[in-house]
All heavy atoms as atom14 arrays in JSON, in Angstrom:
{
  "sequence": "ALLLGLVDSTEGVVGYFAAIERVKLRRPALAGDTLLLGVELTSFRRG",
  "atom14_mask": [
    [1, 1, 1, 1, 1, 0, 0, 0, 0, 0, 0, 0, 0, 0],
    [1, 1, 1, 1, 1, 1, 1, 1, 0, 0, 0, 0, 0, 0],
    [1, 1, 1, 1, 1, 1, 1, 1, 0, 0, 0, 0, 0, 0],
    [1, 1, 1, 1, 1, 1, 1, 1, 0, 0, 0, 0, 0, 0],
    [1, 1, 1, 1, 0, 0, 0, 0, 0, 0, 0, 0, 0, 0],
    [1, 1, 1, 1, 1, 1, 1, 1, 0, 0, 0, 0, 0, 0],
    [1, 1, 1, 1, 1, 1, 1, 0, 0, 0, 0, 0, 0, 0],
    [1, 1, 1, 1, 1, 1, 1, 1, 0, 0, 0, 0, 0, 0],
    [1, 1, 1, 1, 1, 1, 0, 0, 0, 0, 0, 0, 0, 0],
    [1, 1, 1, 1, 1, 1, 1, 0, 0, 0, 0, 0, 0, 0],
    [1, 1, 1, 1, 1, 1, 1, 1, 1, 0, 0, 0, 0, 0],
    [1, 1, 1, 1, 0, 0, 0, 0, 0, 0, 0, 0, 0, 0],
    [1, 1, 1, 1, 1, 1, 1, 0, 0, 0, 0, 0, 0, 0],
    [1, 1, 1, 1, 1, 1, 1, 0, 0, 0, 0, 0, 0, 0],
    [1, 1, 1, 1, 0, 0, 0, 0, 0, 0, 0, 0, 0, 0],
    [1, 1, 1, 1, 1, 1, 1, 1, 1, 1, 1, 1, 0, 0],
    [1, 1, 1, 1, 1, 1, 1, 1, 1, 1, 1, 0, 0, 0],
    [1, 1, 1, 1, 1, 0, 0, 0, 0, 0, 0, 0, 0, 0],
    [1, 1, 1, 1, 1, 0, 0, 0, 0, 0, 0, 0, 0, 0],
    [1, 1, 1, 1, 1, 1, 1, 1, 0, 0, 0, 0, 0, 0],
    [1, 1, 1, 1, 1, 1, 1, 1, 1, 0, 0, 0, 0, 0],
    [1, 1, 1, 1, 1, 1, 1, 1, 1, 1, 1, 0, 0, 0],
    [1, 1, 1, 1, 1, 1, 1, 0, 0, 0, 0, 0, 0, 0],
    [1, 1, 1, 1, 1, 1, 1, 1, 1, 0, 0, 0, 0, 0],
    [1, 1, 1, 1, 1, 1, 1, 1, 0, 0, 0, 0, 0, 0],
    [1, 1, 1, 1, 1, 1, 1, 1, 1, 1, 1, 0, 0, 0],
    [1, 1, 1, 1, 1, 1, 1, 1, 1, 1, 1, 0, 0, 0],
    [1, 1, 1, 1, 1, 1, 1, 0, 0, 0, 0, 0, 0, 0],
    [1, 1, 1, 1, 1, 0, 0, 0, 0, 0, 0, 0, 0, 0],
    [1, 1, 1, 1, 1, 1, 1, 1, 0, 0, 0, 0, 0, 0],
    [1, 1, 1, 1, 1, 0, 0, 0, 0, 0, 0, 0, 0, 0],
    [1, 1, 1, 1, 0, 0, 0, 0, 0, 0, 0, 0, 0, 0],
    [1, 1, 1, 1, 1, 1, 1, 1, 0, 0, 0, 0, 0, 0],
    [1, 1, 1, 1, 1, 1, 1, 0, 0, 0, 0, 0, 0, 0],
    [1, 1, 1, 1, 1, 1, 1, 1, 0, 0, 0, 0, 0, 0],
    [1, 1, 1, 1, 1, 1, 1, 1, 0, 0, 0, 0, 0, 0],
    [1, 1, 1, 1, 1, 1, 1, 1, 0, 0, 0, 0, 0, 0],
    [1, 1, 1, 1, 0, 0, 0, 0, 0, 0, 0, 0, 0, 0],
    [1, 1, 1, 1, 1, 1, 1, 0, 0, 0, 0, 0, 0, 0],
    [1, 1, 1, 1, 1, 1, 1, 1, 1, 0, 0, 0, 0, 0],
    [1, 1, 1, 1, 1, 1, 1, 1, 0, 0, 0, 0, 0, 0],
    [1, 1, 1, 1, 1, 1, 1, 0, 0, 0, 0, 0, 0, 0],
    [1, 1, 1, 1, 1, 1, 0, 0, 0, 0, 0, 0, 0, 0],
    [1, 1, 1, 1, 1, 1, 1, 1, 1, 1, 1, 0, 0, 0],
    [1, 1, 1, 1, 1, 1, 1, 1, 1, 1, 1, 0, 0, 0],
    [1, 1, 1, 1, 1, 1, 1, 1, 1, 1, 1, 0, 0, 0],
    [1, 1, 1, 1, 0, 0, 0, 0, 0, 0, 0, 0, 0, 0]
  ],
  "atom14_positions": [
    [[0.84, -1.21, 0.02], [-0.01, -0.01, -0.01], [0.86, 1.24, 0.0], [0.52, 2.27, -0.63], [-0.88, -0.05, 1.22], [0.0, 0.0, 0.0], [0.0, 0.0, 0.0], [0.0, 0.0, 0.0], [0.0, 0.0, 0.0], [0.0, 0.0, 0.0], [0.0, 0.0, 0.0], [0.0, 0.0, 0.0], [0.0, 0.0, 0.0], [0.0, 0.0, 0.0]],
    [[1.98, 1.23, 0.68], [2.98, 2.31, 0.63], [3.61, 2.59, -0.7], [3.69, 3.66, -1.11], [4.01, 2.03, 1.69], [5.15, 3.03, 1.78], [4.73, 4.38, 2.33], [6.24, 2.43, 2.62], [0.0, 0.0, 0.0], [0.0, 0.0, 0.0], [0.0, 0.0, 0.0], [0.0, 0.0, 0.0], [0.0, 0.0, 0.0], [0.0, 0.0, 0.0]],
    [[3.94, 1.44, -1.4], [4.59, 1.52, -2.66], [3.75, 2.02, -3.76], [4.22, 2.55, -4.79], [5.27, 0.29, -3.02], [6.32, -0.27, -2.11], [6.76, -1.66, -2.44], [7.52, 0.7, -2.01], [0.0, 0.0, 0.0], [0.0, 0.0, 0.0], [0.0, 0.0, 0.0], [0.0, 0.0, 0.0], [0.0, 0.0, 0.0], [0.0, 0.0, 0.0]],
    [[2.36, 1.95, -3.59], [1.48, 2.44, -4.67], [1.57, 3.9, -4.86], [1.51, 4.29, -6.04], [-0.04, 2.13, -4.21], [-0.47, 0.74, -4.26], [-1.92, 0.64, -3.77], [-0.3, 0.14, -5.69], [0.0, 0.0, 0.0], [0.0, 0.0, 0.0], [0.0, 0.0, 0.0], [0.0, 0.0, 0.0], [0.0, 0.0, 0.0], [0.0, 0.0, 0.0]],
    [[1.8, 4.68, -3.92], [1.95, 6.18, -4.04], [3.36, 6.51, -4.76], [3.5, 7.71, -5.09], [0.0, 0.0, 0.0], [0.0, 0.0, 0.0], [0.0, 0.0, 0.0], [0.0, 0.0, 0.0], [0.0, 0.0, 0.0], [0.0, 0.0, 0.0], [0.0, 0.0, 0.0], [0.0, 0.0, 0.0], [0.0, 0.0, 0.0], [0.0, 0.0, 0.0]],
    [[4.23, 5.61, -4.88], [5.53, 5.94, -5.42], [5.69, 5.89, -6.94], [6.68, 6.44, -7.47], [6.66, 5.08, -4.75], [6.72, 5.24, -3.23], [7.78, 4.2, -2.64], [7.06, 6.68, -2.85], [0.0, 0.0, 0.0], [0.0, 0.0, 0.0], [0.0, 0.0, 0.0], [0.0, 0.0, 0.0], [0.0, 0.0, 0.0], [0.0, 0.0, 0.0]],
    [[4.79, 5.18, -7.57], [4.89, 4.92, -8.98], [3.77, 5.66, -9.63], [2.73, 5.92, -9.09], [4.87, 3.5, -9.35], [6.15, 2.76, -8.89], [3.64, 2.8, -8.86], [0.0, 0.0, 0.0], [0.0, 0.0, 0.0], [0.0, 0.0, 0.0], [0.0, 0.0, 0.0], [0.0, 0.0, 0.0], [0.0, 0.0, 0.0], [0.0, 0.0, 0.0]],
    [[3.94, 6.08, -10.89], [2.99, 6.84, -11.66], [1.76, 6.06, -12.0], [0.63, 6.43, -11.68], [3.52, 7.43, -12.93], [4.67, 8.5, -12.67], [4.68, 9.01, -11.56], [5.58, 8.53, -13.46], [0.0, 0.0, 0.0], [0.0, 0.0, 0.0], [0.0, 0.0, 0.0], [0.0, 0.0, 0.0], [0.0, 0.0, 0.0], [0.0, 0.0, 0.0]],
    [[1.88, 4.89, -12.56], [0.79, 4.06, -12.94], [0.84, 2.73, -12.08], [1.8, 2.07, -12.11], [0.83, 3.65, -14.4], [-0.07, 2.72, -14.74], [0.0, 0.0, 0.0], [0.0, 0.0, 0.0], [0.0, 0.0, 0.0], [0.0, 0.0, 0.0], [0.0, 0.0, 0.0], [0.0, 0.0, 0.0], [0.0, 0.0, 0.0], [0.0, 0.0, 0.0]],
    [[-0.26, 2.45, -11.33], [-0.27, 1.28, -10.55], [-0.61, 0.02, -11.31], [-0.49, -1.0, -10.88], [-1.2, 1.52, -9.35], [-2.49, 1.74, -9.77], [-0.69, 2.59, -8.45], [0.0, 0.0, 0.0], [0.0, 0.0, 0.0], [0.0, 0.0, 0.0], [0.0, 0.0, 0.0], [0.0, 0.0, 0.0], [0.0, 0.0, 0.0], [0.0, 0.0, 0.0]],
    [[-1.28, 0.21, -12.42], [-1.69, -0.99, -13.29], [-0.43, -1.47, -13.98], [0.33, -0.78, -14.58], [-2.7, -0.55, -14.24], [-4.05, -0.3, -13.62], [-5.12, -0.02, -14.62], [-5.04, -0.6, -15.75], [-6.01, 0.75, -14.32], [0.0, 0.0, 0.0], [0.0, 0.0, 0.0], [0.0, 0.0, 0.0], [0.0, 0.0, 0.0], [0.0, 0.0, 0.0]],
    [[-0.27, -2.83, -13.85], [0.92, -3.44, -14.54], [2.25, -3.26, -13.74], [3.27, -3.45, -14.28], [0.0, 0.0, 0.0], [0.0, 0.0, 0.0], [0.0, 0.0, 0.0], [0.0, 0.0, 0.0], [0.0, 0.0, 0.0], [0.0, 0.0, 0.0], [0.0, 0.0, 0.0], [0.0, 0.0, 0.0], [0.0, 0.0, 0.0], [0.0, 0.0, 0.0]],
    [[2.14, -2.93, -12.44], [3.33, -2.78, -11.67], [3.34, -3.89, -10.63], [2.33, -4.26, -10.0], [3.32, -1.41, -10.89], [4.41, -1.29, -9.95], [3.37, -0.3, -11.89], [0.0, 0.0, 0.0], [0.0, 0.0, 0.0], [0.0, 0.0, 0.0], [0.0, 0.0, 0.0], [0.0, 0.0, 0.0], [0.0, 0.0, 0.0], [0.0, 0.0, 0.0]],
    [[4.6, -4.5, -10.48], [4.72, -5.64, -9.56], [5.89, -5.27, -8.64], [6.88, -4.8, -8.97], [5.05, -6.88, -10.36], [5.32, -8.03, -9.41], [3.95, -7.28, -11.34], [0.0, 0.0, 0.0], [0.0, 0.0, 0.0], [0.0, 0.0, 0.0], [0.0, 0.0, 0.0], [0.0, 0.0, 0.0], [0.0, 0.0, 0.0], [0.0, 0.0, 0.0]],
    [[5.58, -5.62, -7.31], [6.65, -5.46, -6.3], [7.23, -6.82, -5.98], [6.6, -7.75, -5.68], [0.0, 0.0, 0.0], [0.0, 0.0, 0.0], [0.0, 0.0, 0.0], [0.0, 0.0, 0.0], [0.0, 0.0, 0.0], [0.0, 0.0, 0.0], [0.0, 0.0, 0.0], [0.0, 0.0, 0.0], [0.0, 0.0, 0.0], [0.0, 0.0, 0.0]],
    [[8.66, -6.93, -6.08], [9.32, -8.15, -5.77], [10.07, -8.06, -4.45], [10.84, -7.13, -4.28], [10.35, -8.5, -6.81], [9.76, -8.75, -8.2], [9.66, -7.66, -9.15], [9.1, -9.99, -8.55], [9.22, -7.93, -10.41], [8.6, -10.13, -9.72], [8.64, -9.13, -10.67], [8.0, -9.3, -11.91], [0.0, 0.0, 0.0], [0.0, 0.0, 0.0]],
    [[9.68, -8.88, -3.45], [10.3, -8.91, -2.18], [11.71, -9.46, -2.27], [11.95, -10.59, -2.65], [9.49, -9.79, -1.26], [9.88, -9.83, 0.22], [10.13, -8.73, 0.92], [9.93, -10.99, 0.88], [10.52, -8.65, 2.15], [10.31, -10.97, 2.21], [10.56, -9.86, 2.89], [0.0, 0.0, 0.0], [0.0, 0.0, 0.0], [0.0, 0.0, 0.0]],
    [[12.74, -8.52, -2.18], [14.08, -8.97, -2.59], [15.05, -9.36, -1.48], [15.8, -10.32, -1.63], [14.72, -7.78, -3.38], [0.0, 0.0, 0.0], [0.0, 0.0, 0.0], [0.0, 0.0, 0.0], [0.0, 0.0, 0.0], [0.0, 0.0, 0.0], [0.0, 0.0, 0.0], [0.0, 0.0, 0.0], [0.0, 0.0, 0.0], [0.0, 0.0, 0.0]],
    [[14.97, -8.69, -0.36], [15.87, -9.03, 0.76], [15.28, -8.58, 2.06], [14.52, -7.7, 2.14], [17.26, -8.28, 0.5], [0.0, 0.0, 0.0], [0.0, 0.0, 0.0], [0.0, 0.0, 0.0], [0.0, 0.0, 0.0], [0.0, 0.0, 0.0], [0.0, 0.0, 0.0], [0.0, 0.0, 0.0], [0.0, 0.0, 0.0], [0.0, 0.0, 0.0]],
    [[15.81, -9.24, 3.18], [15.49, -8.88, 4.55], [16.77, -8.79, 5.22], [17.77, -9.56, 4.94], [14.49, -9.78, 5.22], [14.99, -11.2, 5.19], [13.16, -9.68, 4.67], [14.11, -12.22, 6.04], [0.0, 0.0, 0.0], [0.0, 0.0, 0.0], [0.0, 0.0, 0.0], [0.0, 0.0, 0.0], [0.0, 0.0, 0.0], [0.0, 0.0, 0.0]],
    [[16.93, -7.86, 6.11], [18.07, -7.63, 6.98], [17.67, -7.2, 8.39], [16.63, -6.74, 8.6], [18.91, -6.46, 6.39], [19.39, -6.59, 4.88], [20.01, -5.34, 4.46], [19.58, -4.24, 4.77], [21.01, -5.5, 3.76], [0.0, 0.0, 0.0], [0.0, 0.0, 0.0], [0.0, 0.0, 0.0], [0.0, 0.0, 0.0], [0.0, 0.0, 0.0]],
    [[18.59, -7.45, 9.21], [18.46, -7.07, 10.66], [17.08, -7.47, 11.24], [16.34, -6.71, 11.85], [18.63, -5.66, 10.86], [20.08, -5.16, 10.46], [20.29, -3.76, 10.7], [21.67, -3.35, 10.34], [22.09, -2.18, 10.31], [21.34, -1.14, 10.53], [23.3, -1.98, 9.8], [0.0, 0.0, 0.0], [0.0, 0.0, 0.0], [0.0, 0.0, 0.0]],
    [[16.71, -8.66, 11.01], [15.49, -9.26, 11.5], [15.62, -9.64, 12.99], [16.58, -10.33, 13.4], [15.01, -10.55, 10.71], [13.72, -11.06, 11.31], [14.97, -10.15, 9.29], [0.0, 0.0, 0.0], [0.0, 0.0, 0.0], [0.0, 0.0, 0.0], [0.0, 0.0, 0.0], [0.0, 0.0, 0.0], [0.0, 0.0, 0.0], [0.0, 0.0, 0.0]],
    [[14.71, -9.11, 13.74], [14.77, -9.42, 15.26], [13.41, -10.04, 15.62], [12.33, -9.39, 15.42], [15.04, -8.21, 16.12], [16.43, -7.69, 15.88], [16.73, -6.55, 16.72], [18.18, -6.1, 16.5], [18.47, -4.86, 17.24], [0.0, 0.0, 0.0], [0.0, 0.0, 0.0], [0.0, 0.0, 0.0], [0.0, 0.0, 0.0], [0.0, 0.0, 0.0]],
    [[13.45, -11.27, 16.01], [12.16, -12.0, 16.34], [12.04, -11.95, 17.85], [12.87, -12.67, 18.59], [12.26, -13.43, 15.84], [12.6, -13.54, 14.33], [12.77, -15.09, 13.96], [11.61, -12.93, 13.47], [0.0, 0.0, 0.0], [0.0, 0.0, 0.0], [0.0, 0.0, 0.0], [0.0, 0.0, 0.0], [0.0, 0.0, 0.0], [0.0, 0.0, 0.0]],
    [[11.13, -11.25, 18.32], [11.03, -11.06, 19.82], [10.08, -12.1, 20.57], [10.57, -12.8, 21.37], [10.46, -9.69, 20.17], [11.29, -8.55, 19.54], [12.59, -8.39, 20.28], [13.22, -7.23, 19.71], [14.43, -6.87, 20.16], [15.02, -7.41, 21.11], [14.98, -5.76, 19.56], [0.0, 0.0, 0.0], [0.0, 0.0, 0.0], [0.0, 0.0, 0.0]],
    [[8.91, -12.17, 20.19], [7.99, -13.14, 20.8], [6.85, -13.47, 19.82], [6.66, -12.7, 18.76], [7.36, -12.46, 22.07], [6.42, -11.29, 21.82], [5.92, -10.75, 23.11], [4.74, -9.95, 22.93], [3.53, -10.41, 23.09], [3.25, -11.66, 23.47], [2.44, -9.63, 22.93], [0.0, 0.0, 0.0], [0.0, 0.0, 0.0], [0.0, 0.0, 0.0]],
    [[6.18, -14.55, 20.01], [5.07, -14.92, 18.98], [3.84, -14.05, 19.21], [3.57, -13.52, 20.25], [4.81, -16.34, 19.31], [5.2, -16.5, 20.79], [6.32, -15.6, 21.03], [0.0, 0.0, 0.0], [0.0, 0.0, 0.0], [0.0, 0.0, 0.0], [0.0, 0.0, 0.0], [0.0, 0.0, 0.0], [0.0, 0.0, 0.0], [0.0, 0.0, 0.0]],
    [[3.13, -13.97, 18.04], [1.72, -13.35, 18.1], [0.82, -14.47, 18.32], [0.65, -15.42, 17.52], [1.44, -12.65, 16.85], [0.0, 0.0, 0.0], [0.0, 0.0, 0.0], [0.0, 0.0, 0.0], [0.0, 0.0, 0.0], [0.0, 0.0, 0.0], [0.0, 0.0, 0.0], [0.0, 0.0, 0.0], [0.0, 0.0, 0.0], [0.0, 0.0, 0.0]],
    [[0.06, -14.56, 19.52], [-0.82, -15.7, 19.84], [-2.26, -15.4, 19.41], [-2.56, -14.26, 18.96], [-0.74, -15.86, 21.31], [0.55, -16.13, 21.93], [0.41, -16.11, 23.51], [1.2, -17.36, 21.43], [0.0, 0.0, 0.0], [0.0, 0.0, 0.0], [0.0, 0.0, 0.0], [0.0, 0.0, 0.0], [0.0, 0.0, 0.0], [0.0, 0.0, 0.0]],
    [[-3.05, -16.49, 19.29], [-4.41, -16.35, 18.91], [-5.18, -15.44, 19.88], [-4.86, -15.39, 21.01], [-5.04, -17.74, 19.02], [0.0, 0.0, 0.0], [0.0, 0.0, 0.0], [0.0, 0.0, 0.0], [0.0, 0.0, 0.0], [0.0, 0.0, 0.0], [0.0, 0.0, 0.0], [0.0, 0.0, 0.0], [0.0, 0.0, 0.0], [0.0, 0.0, 0.0]],
    [[-5.84, -14.56, 19.26], [-6.58, -13.47, 19.99], [-5.85, -12.14, 19.99], [-6.47, -11.13, 20.32], [0.0, 0.0, 0.0], [0.0, 0.0, 0.0], [0.0, 0.0, 0.0], [0.0, 0.0, 0.0], [0.0, 0.0, 0.0], [0.0, 0.0, 0.0], [0.0, 0.0, 0.0], [0.0, 0.0, 0.0], [0.0, 0.0, 0.0], [0.0, 0.0, 0.0]],
    [[-4.64, -12.15, 19.64], [-3.89, -10.84, 19.52], [-4.19, -10.13, 18.26], [-4.57, -10.67, 17.24], [-2.34, -11.11, 19.46], [-1.75, -11.62, 20.74], [-2.46, -11.41, 21.83], [-0.58, -12.16, 20.79], [0.0, 0.0, 0.0], [0.0, 0.0, 0.0], [0.0, 0.0, 0.0], [0.0, 0.0, 0.0], [0.0, 0.0, 0.0], [0.0, 0.0, 0.0]],
    [[-4.1, -8.78, 18.39], [-4.23, -7.87, 17.17], [-2.87, -7.47, 16.86], [-2.22, -6.7, 17.62], [-5.13, -6.73, 17.41], [-6.47, -7.24, 17.75], [-5.29, -5.81, 16.19], [0.0, 0.0, 0.0], [0.0, 0.0, 0.0], [0.0, 0.0, 0.0], [0.0, 0.0, 0.0], [0.0, 0.0, 0.0], [0.0, 0.0, 0.0], [0.0, 0.0, 0.0]],
    [[-2.27, -7.79, 15.67], [-1.01, -7.49, 15.26], [-1.04, -6.18, 14.51], [-1.75, -5.98, 13.52], [-0.48, -8.58, 14.36], [0.99, -8.71, 14.07], [1.76, -8.9, 15.29], [1.12, -9.85, 13.1], [0.0, 0.0, 0.0], [0.0, 0.0, 0.0], [0.0, 0.0, 0.0], [0.0, 0.0, 0.0], [0.0, 0.0, 0.0], [0.0, 0.0, 0.0]],
    [[-0.29, -5.13, 14.97], [-0.17, -3.9, 14.28], [1.08, -3.89, 13.48], [2.19, -4.13, 14.04], [-0.19, -2.69, 15.32], [-1.4, -2.57, 16.14], [-1.21, -1.49, 17.14], [-2.62, -2.4, 15.26], [0.0, 0.0, 0.0], [0.0, 0.0, 0.0], [0.0, 0.0, 0.0], [0.0, 0.0, 0.0], [0.0, 0.0, 0.0], [0.0, 0.0, 0.0]],
    [[1.02, -3.65, 12.18], [2.11, -3.74, 11.23], [2.49, -2.3, 10.75], [1.74, -1.74, 9.97], [1.69, -4.65, 10.08], [1.16, -6.05, 10.39], [0.38, -6.63, 9.34], [2.29, -6.96, 10.9], [0.0, 0.0, 0.0], [0.0, 0.0, 0.0], [0.0, 0.0, 0.0], [0.0, 0.0, 0.0], [0.0, 0.0, 0.0], [0.0, 0.0, 0.0]],
    [[3.56, -1.8, 11.16], [4.0, -0.43, 10.7], [5.16, -0.66, 9.81], [6.16, -1.2, 10.12], [0.0, 0.0, 0.0], [0.0, 0.0, 0.0], [0.0, 0.0, 0.0], [0.0, 0.0, 0.0], [0.0, 0.0, 0.0], [0.0, 0.0, 0.0], [0.0, 0.0, 0.0], [0.0, 0.0, 0.0], [0.0, 0.0, 0.0], [0.0, 0.0, 0.0]],
    [[5.11, 0.1, 8.66], [6.2, 0.1, 7.69], [6.5, 1.57, 7.27], [5.6, 2.35, 6.98], [5.87, -0.7, 6.43], [6.99, -0.73, 5.48], [5.5, -2.21, 6.8], [0.0, 0.0, 0.0], [0.0, 0.0, 0.0], [0.0, 0.0, 0.0], [0.0, 0.0, 0.0], [0.0, 0.0, 0.0], [0.0, 0.0, 0.0], [0.0, 0.0, 0.0]],
    [[7.84, 1.88, 7.31], [8.27, 3.2, 6.9], [9.23, 3.04, 5.73], [10.06, 2.14, 5.73], [8.98, 3.98, 8.0], [8.06, 4.34, 9.12], [8.75, 5.14, 10.16], [9.92, 5.58, 9.92], [8.25, 5.35, 11.31], [0.0, 0.0, 0.0], [0.0, 0.0, 0.0], [0.0, 0.0, 0.0], [0.0, 0.0, 0.0], [0.0, 0.0, 0.0]],
    [[9.09, 4.02, 4.79], [10.11, 3.97, 3.64], [11.34, 4.79, 4.07], [11.25, 5.91, 4.5], [9.41, 4.71, 2.42], [10.18, 4.88, 1.2], [10.36, 3.53, 0.52], [9.57, 5.8, 0.29], [0.0, 0.0, 0.0], [0.0, 0.0, 0.0], [0.0, 0.0, 0.0], [0.0, 0.0, 0.0], [0.0, 0.0, 0.0], [0.0, 0.0, 0.0]],
    [[12.48, 4.2, 3.92], [13.72, 4.86, 4.24], [14.35, 5.45, 2.99], [14.91, 6.57, 3.04], [14.71, 3.97, 4.89], [14.98, 2.77, 4.12], [14.23, 3.55, 6.3], [0.0, 0.0, 0.0], [0.0, 0.0, 0.0], [0.0, 0.0, 0.0], [0.0, 0.0, 0.0], [0.0, 0.0, 0.0], [0.0, 0.0, 0.0], [0.0, 0.0, 0.0]],
    [[14.21, 4.73, 1.76], [14.69, 5.42, 0.55], [13.99, 4.67, -0.66], [13.6, 3.53, -0.56], [16.18, 5.26, 0.37], [16.65, 3.93, 0.16], [0.0, 0.0, 0.0], [0.0, 0.0, 0.0], [0.0, 0.0, 0.0], [0.0, 0.0, 0.0], [0.0, 0.0, 0.0], [0.0, 0.0, 0.0], [0.0, 0.0, 0.0], [0.0, 0.0, 0.0]],
    [[13.91, 5.49, -1.75], [13.37, 4.88, -3.01], [14.01, 5.49, -4.14], [13.96, 6.71, -4.43], [11.83, 5.22, -3.02], [11.21, 4.54, -4.33], [11.05, 3.18, -4.43], [10.91, 5.41, -5.34], [10.43, 2.62, -5.57], [10.26, 4.89, -6.55], [10.1, 3.51, -6.62], [0.0, 0.0, 0.0], [0.0, 0.0, 0.0], [0.0, 0.0, 0.0]],
    [[14.87, 4.75, -4.92], [15.64, 5.21, -6.08], [15.61, 4.08, -7.14], [15.82, 2.96, -6.83], [17.05, 5.57, -5.75], [17.2, 6.89, -5.09], [18.57, 7.27, -4.89], [19.09, 6.35, -3.8], [20.25, 6.44, -3.23], [21.1, 7.47, -3.65], [20.57, 5.69, -2.35], [0.0, 0.0, 0.0], [0.0, 0.0, 0.0], [0.0, 0.0, 0.0]],
    [[15.3, 4.53, -8.34], [15.39, 3.66, -9.51], [14.59, 2.36, -9.31], [15.02, 1.31, -9.72], [16.83, 3.35, -9.86], [17.56, 4.62, -10.31], [18.92, 4.28, -10.75], [19.71, 5.51, -11.01], [20.9, 5.53, -11.38], [21.59, 4.4, -11.56], [21.51, 6.67, -11.66], [0.0, 0.0, 0.0], [0.0, 0.0, 0.0], [0.0, 0.0, 0.0]],
    [[13.46, 2.42, -8.73], [12.64, 1.31, -8.59], [12.97, 0.41, -7.4], [12.41, -0.72, -7.27], [0.0, 0.0, 0.0], [0.0, 0.0, 0.0], [0.0, 0.0, 0.0], [0.0, 0.0, 0.0], [0.0, 0.0, 0.0], [0.0, 0.0, 0.0], [0.0, 0.0, 0.0], [0.0, 0.0, 0.0], [0.0, 0.0, 0.0], [0.0, 0.0, 0.0]]
  ]
}
């Protein structure tokens, strides 16, 4: 949803999940939990 605003035309655009870094797994999300997912853009250049 964040990447939609970065490209001119959203039709025919595909995002490829390329890499993950500095992953920290703290605790599990259990049944009954509401998971809040926050994502911030740090940089965007040349796609």
